[in-house]
Amino acid sequence: MARSTETFSKKEKEKARLKKSKEKKEKADDRRANAGKGKSLEDMMAYTDEYGNITSTPPDPSRKIHVNLEDIQIGVAKQEDIPHDTVRNGVVSFFNESKGYGFIKDLQTQESIFVHINALTEPLKENNMVTFETEQGQKGLSAVNVKKK
């Protein structure tokens, strides 16, 4: 006598699969019955008020704000070049003699400016007061014509 190929777990899995497909079909039927098809265009419209918030009511034309196209600024405004002295004053905040570079802290703007040993007119040490000029280098401002005060 041969054994049945259907075990208890196979029966349970089949019951669960049939139950799941039945629930899925019931949900689909429920969605079809309660679907909001046929909504009017007016029901689907969304509006924005004068502050940019989304509302369901149309905007009041009397509250409309008029803007001149010339007043709209796109991007960042151009910065006017601030004329500054060509000769600046500063303090050597760091200088490595073996590698031949350092940094000068500008006394006016408090920015740190790179200085190379080739731009020096005389040897420098840390905390020396100096006068210098700047020029645009590969990676930013560089000090040139550096002199002790």
C-alpha atoms as a PDB file:
ATOM      1  CA  MET A   1       0.000   0.000   0.000  1.00  0.00           C
ATOM      2  CA  ALA A   2       1.448   3.349  -1.044  1.00  0.00           C
ATOM      3  CA  ARG A   3       1.601   6.362   1.219  1.00  0.00           C
ATOM      4  CA  SER A   4      -0.263   9.547   0.387  1.00  0.00           C
ATOM      5  CA  THR A   5       2.005  12.246  -1.043  1.00  0.00           C
ATOM      6  CA  GLU A   6       0.000  14.990   0.637  1.00  0.00           C
ATOM      7  CA  THR A   7       1.412  15.695   4.071  1.00  0.00           C
ATOM      8  CA  PHE A   8      -0.084  17.857   6.787  1.00  0.00           C
ATOM      9  CA  SER A   9       2.271  20.778   6.123  1.00  0.00           C
ATOM     10  CA  LYS A  10       1.502  20.692   2.382  1.00  0.00           C
ATOM     11  CA  LYS A  11      -2.231  20.878   3.164  1.00  0.00           C
ATOM     12  CA  GLU A  12      -1.677  23.791   5.551  1.00  0.00           C
ATOM     13  CA  LYS A  13       0.423  25.707   3.010  1.00  0.00           C
ATOM     14  CA  GLU A  14      -2.243  25.214   0.331  1.00  0.00           C
ATOM     15  CA  LYS A  15      -4.965  26.454   2.720  1.00  0.00           C
ATOM     16  CA  ALA A  16      -2.890  29.549   3.562  1.00  0.00           C
ATOM     17  CA  ARG A  17      -2.242  30.243  -0.149  1.00  0.00           C
ATOM     18  CA  LEU A  18      -5.945  29.966  -1.005  1.00  0.00           C
ATOM     19  CA  LYS A  19      -6.896  32.187   1.954  1.00  0.00           C
ATOM     20  CA  LYS A  20      -4.347  34.847   0.901  1.00  0.00           C
ATOM     21  CA  SER A  21      -5.569  34.887  -2.726  1.00  0.00           C
ATOM     22  CA  LYS A  22      -9.195  35.113  -1.527  1.00  0.00           C
ATOM     23  CA  GLU A  23      -8.359  38.128   0.706  1.00  0.00           C
ATOM     24  CA  LYS A  24      -6.499  39.773  -2.161  1.00  0.00           C
ATOM     25  CA  LYS A  25      -9.482  39.346  -4.464  1.00  0.00           C
ATOM     26  CA  GLU A  26     -11.861  40.772  -1.813  1.00  0.00           C
ATOM     27  CA  LYS A  27      -9.619  43.858  -1.403  1.00  0.00           C
ATOM     28  CA  ALA A  28      -9.538  44.408  -5.165  1.00  0.00           C
ATOM     29  CA  ASP A  29     -13.357  44.125  -5.362  1.00  0.00           C
ATOM     30  CA  ASP A  30     -13.689  46.570  -2.448  1.00  0.00           C
ATOM     31  CA  ARG A  31     -11.397  49.099  -4.180  1.00  0.00           C
ATOM     32  CA  ARG A  32     -13.404  48.839  -7.394  1.00  0.00           C
ATOM     33  CA  ALA A  33     -16.680  49.398  -5.521  1.00  0.00           C
ATOM     34  CA  ASN A  34     -15.411  52.428  -3.602  1.00  0.00           C
ATOM     35  CA  ALA A  35     -13.310  53.940  -6.383  1.00  0.00           C
ATOM     36  CA  GLY A  36     -13.701  57.684  -6.836  1.00  0.00           C
ATOM     37  CA  LYS A  37     -13.871  57.513 -10.602  1.00  0.00           C
ATOM     38  CA  GLY A  38     -15.689  60.286 -12.324  1.00  0.00           C
ATOM     39  CA  LYS A  39     -14.487  63.095 -10.080  1.00  0.00           C
ATOM     40  CA  SER A  40     -14.879  66.443 -11.719  1.00  0.00           C
ATOM     41  CA  LEU A  41     -11.906  68.532 -12.765  1.00  0.00           C
ATOM     42  CA  GLU A  42     -12.800  71.084 -10.091  1.00  0.00           C
ATOM     43  CA  ASP A  43     -12.537  68.407  -7.360  1.00  0.00           C
ATOM     44  CA  MET A  44      -9.047  67.446  -8.523  1.00  0.00           C
ATOM     45  CA  MET A  45      -7.671  71.027  -8.754  1.00  0.00           C
ATOM     46  CA  ALA A  46      -5.173  72.405  -6.230  1.00  0.00           C
ATOM     47  CA  TYR A  47      -4.315  76.086  -5.842  1.00  0.00           C
ATOM     48  CA  THR A  48      -1.589  78.082  -4.146  1.00  0.00           C
ATOM     49  CA  ASP A  49      -2.310  81.096  -1.971  1.00  0.00           C
ATOM     50  CA  GLU A  50      -0.308  84.341  -1.898  1.00  0.00           C
ATOM     51  CA  TYR A  51       2.265  82.753   0.453  1.00  0.00           C
ATOM     52  CA  GLY A  52       2.848  79.653  -1.709  1.00  0.00           C
ATOM     53  CA  ASN A  53       0.804  77.234   0.416  1.00  0.00           C
ATOM     54  CA  ILE A  54      -1.382  74.642  -1.356  1.00  0.00           C
ATOM     55  CA  THR A  55      -5.132  75.088  -0.816  1.00  0.00           C
ATOM     56  CA  SER A  56      -8.349  73.695  -2.311  1.00  0.00           C
ATOM     57  CA  THR A  57      -9.930  77.124  -2.817  1.00  0.00           C
ATOM     58  CA  PRO A  58      -9.070  79.387  -5.738  1.00  0.00           C
ATOM     59  CA  PRO A  59      -7.015  82.510  -4.906  1.00  0.00           C
ATOM     60  CA  ASP A  60      -8.703  85.862  -4.350  1.00  0.00           C
ATOM     61  CA  PRO A  61      -7.717  88.159  -7.260  1.00  0.00           C
ATOM     62  CA  SER A  62      -7.800  91.228  -5.001  1.00  0.00           C
ATOM     63  CA  ARG A  63      -4.916  89.826  -2.889  1.00  0.00           C
ATOM     64  CA  LYS A  64      -2.676  89.288  -5.911  1.00  0.00           C
ATOM     65  CA  ILE A  65       0.846  90.659  -5.501  1.00  0.00           C
ATOM     66  CA  HIS A  66       2.461  92.281  -8.544  1.00  0.00           C
ATOM     67  CA  VAL A  67       6.224  91.829  -8.957  1.00  0.00           C
ATOM     68  CA  ASN A  68       8.433  93.614 -11.465  1.00  0.00           C
ATOM     69  CA  LEU A  69      10.641  91.279 -13.482  1.00  0.00           C
ATOM     70  CA  GLU A  70      13.627  93.541 -12.907  1.00  0.00           C
ATOM     71  CA  ASP A  71      13.283  93.057  -9.121  1.00  0.00           C
ATOM     72  CA  ILE A  72      13.735  89.284  -9.350  1.00  0.00           C
ATOM     73  CA  GLN A  73      17.300  88.319  -8.529  1.00  0.00           C
ATOM     74  CA  ILE A  74      18.619  85.030  -9.823  1.00  0.00           C
ATOM     75  CA  GLY A  75      21.840  83.786  -8.240  1.00  0.00           C
ATOM     76  CA  VAL A  76      24.132  85.783  -6.040  1.00  0.00           C
ATOM     77  CA  ALA A  77      24.534  89.523  -6.477  1.00  0.00           C
ATOM     78  CA  LYS A  78      27.887  90.674  -7.755  1.00  0.00           C
ATOM     79  CA  GLN A  79      30.137  91.833  -4.986  1.00  0.00           C
ATOM     80  CA  GLU A  80      31.756  95.134  -5.557  1.00  0.00           C
ATOM     81  CA  ASP A  81      35.513  95.065  -5.252  1.00  0.00           C
ATOM     82  CA  ILE A  82      36.432  96.635  -1.951  1.00  0.00           C
ATOM     83  CA  PRO A  83      39.485  98.777  -2.539  1.00  0.00           C
ATOM     84  CA  HIS A  84      42.192  97.741  -0.130  1.00  0.00           C
ATOM     85  CA  ASP A  85      45.733  98.829   0.321  1.00  0.00           C
ATOM     86  CA  THR A  86      48.207  97.106  -1.931  1.00  0.00           C
ATOM     87  CA  VAL A  87      50.619  96.891   1.010  1.00  0.00           C
ATOM     88  CA  ARG A  88      49.223  94.956   3.941  1.00  0.00           C
ATOM     89  CA  ASN A  89      50.434  94.472   7.494  1.00  0.00           C
ATOM     90  CA  GLY A  90      50.538  91.141   9.263  1.00  0.00           C
ATOM     91  CA  VAL A  91      52.157  88.755  11.705  1.00  0.00           C
ATOM     92  CA  VAL A  92      53.940  85.532  10.749  1.00  0.00           C
ATOM     93  CA  SER A  93      51.776  82.889  12.431  1.00  0.00           C
ATOM     94  CA  PHE A  94      53.744  79.876  11.178  1.00  0.00           C
ATOM     95  CA  PHE A  95      56.957  79.417   9.209  1.00  0.00           C
ATOM     96  CA  ASN A  96      58.860  76.207   8.462  1.00  0.00           C
ATOM     97  CA  GLU A  97      62.395  77.113   7.364  1.00  0.00           C
ATOM     98  CA  SER A  98      63.311  73.567   6.327  1.00  0.00           C
ATOM     99  CA  LYS A  99      60.358  73.291   3.924  1.00  0.00           C
ATOM    100  CA  GLY A 100      60.397  76.943   2.925  1.00  0.00           C
ATOM    101  CA  TYR A 101      56.794  78.009   3.488  1.00  0.00           C
ATOM    102  CA  GLY A 102      54.554  79.537   6.120  1.00  0.00           C
ATOM    103  CA  PHE A 103      51.474  81.637   6.800  1.00  0.00           C
ATOM    104  CA  ILE A 104      50.953  85.306   7.585  1.00  0.00           C
ATOM    105  CA  LYS A 105      47.888  86.482   9.504  1.00  0.00           C
ATOM    106  CA  ASP A 106      46.623  89.743   8.004  1.00  0.00           C
ATOM    107  CA  LEU A 107      46.026  92.261  10.806  1.00  0.00           C
ATOM    108  CA  GLN A 108      43.123  93.969   9.018  1.00  0.00           C
ATOM    109  CA  THR A 109      41.077  91.007   7.721  1.00  0.00           C
ATOM    110  CA  GLN A 110      42.408  88.303  10.092  1.00  0.00           C
ATOM    111  CA  GLU A 111      42.781  85.911   7.141  1.00  0.00           C
ATOM    112  CA  SER A 112      45.695  83.517   6.854  1.00  0.00           C
ATOM    113  CA  ILE A 113      47.791  84.040   3.707  1.00  0.00           C
ATOM    114  CA  PHE A 114      50.328  81.566   2.339  1.00  0.00           C
ATOM    115  CA  VAL A 115      53.928  82.706   1.946  1.00  0.00           C
ATOM    116  CA  HIS A 116      56.789  80.898   0.181  1.00  0.00           C
ATOM    117  CA  ILE A 117      60.472  81.417   0.886  1.00  0.00           C
ATOM    118  CA  ASN A 118      60.996  82.751  -2.684  1.00  0.00           C
ATOM    119  CA  ALA A 119      58.720  85.737  -1.866  1.00  0.00           C
ATOM    120  CA  LEU A 120      60.852  86.861   1.099  1.00  0.00           C
ATOM    121  CA  THR A 121      63.319  89.733   0.978  1.00  0.00           C
ATOM    122  CA  GLU A 122      64.886  88.727   4.316  1.00  0.00           C
ATOM    123  CA  PRO A 123      64.672  85.669   6.623  1.00  0.00           C
ATOM    124  CA  LEU A 124      61.512  85.350   8.771  1.00  0.00           C
ATOM    125  CA  LYS A 125      60.608  83.735  12.073  1.00  0.00           C
ATOM    126  CA  GLU A 126      57.281  83.203  13.790  1.00  0.00           C
ATOM    127  CA  ASN A 127      55.619  86.280  15.400  1.00  0.00           C
ATOM    128  CA  ASN A 128      57.577  88.729  13.194  1.00  0.00           C
ATOM    129  CA  MET A 129      55.645  91.841  12.145  1.00  0.00           C
ATOM    130  CA  VAL A 130      55.748  92.126   8.337  1.00  0.00           C
ATOM    131  CA  THR A 131      54.462  94.166   5.407  1.00  0.00           C
ATOM    132  CA  PHE A 132      53.509  92.341   2.234  1.00  0.00           C
ATOM    133  CA  GLU A 133      51.526  92.427  -0.978  1.00  0.00           C
ATOM    134  CA  THR A 134      49.198  89.687  -2.224  1.00  0.00           C
ATOM    135  CA  GLU A 135      48.668  88.003  -5.551  1.00  0.00           C
ATOM    136  CA  GLN A 136      46.436  85.164  -6.651  1.00  0.00           C
ATOM    137  CA  GLY A 137      48.296  81.839  -6.509  1.00  0.00           C
ATOM    138  CA  GLN A 138      47.292  78.355  -7.635  1.00  0.00           C
ATOM    139  CA  LYS A 139      45.276  77.641  -4.503  1.00  0.00           C
ATOM    140  CA  GLY A 140      44.372  81.136  -3.305  1.00  0.00           C
ATOM    141  CA  LEU A 141      46.097  84.280  -2.119  1.00  0.00           C
ATOM    142  CA  SER A 142      49.870  84.244  -1.730  1.00  0.00           C
ATOM    143  CA  ALA A 143      52.039  86.867  -0.073  1.00  0.00           C
ATOM    144  CA  VAL A 144      54.801  88.494  -2.154  1.00  0.00           C
ATOM    145  CA  ASN A 145      57.426  91.175  -1.385  1.00  0.00           C
ATOM    146  CA  VAL A 146      57.412  90.246   2.311  1.00  0.00           C
ATOM    147  CA  LYS A 147      59.528  92.590   4.469  1.00  0.00           C
ATOM    148  CA  LYS A 148      60.072  92.844   8.223  1.00  0.00           C
ATOM    149  CA  LYS A 149      58.781  96.014   9.883  1.00  0.00           C
END
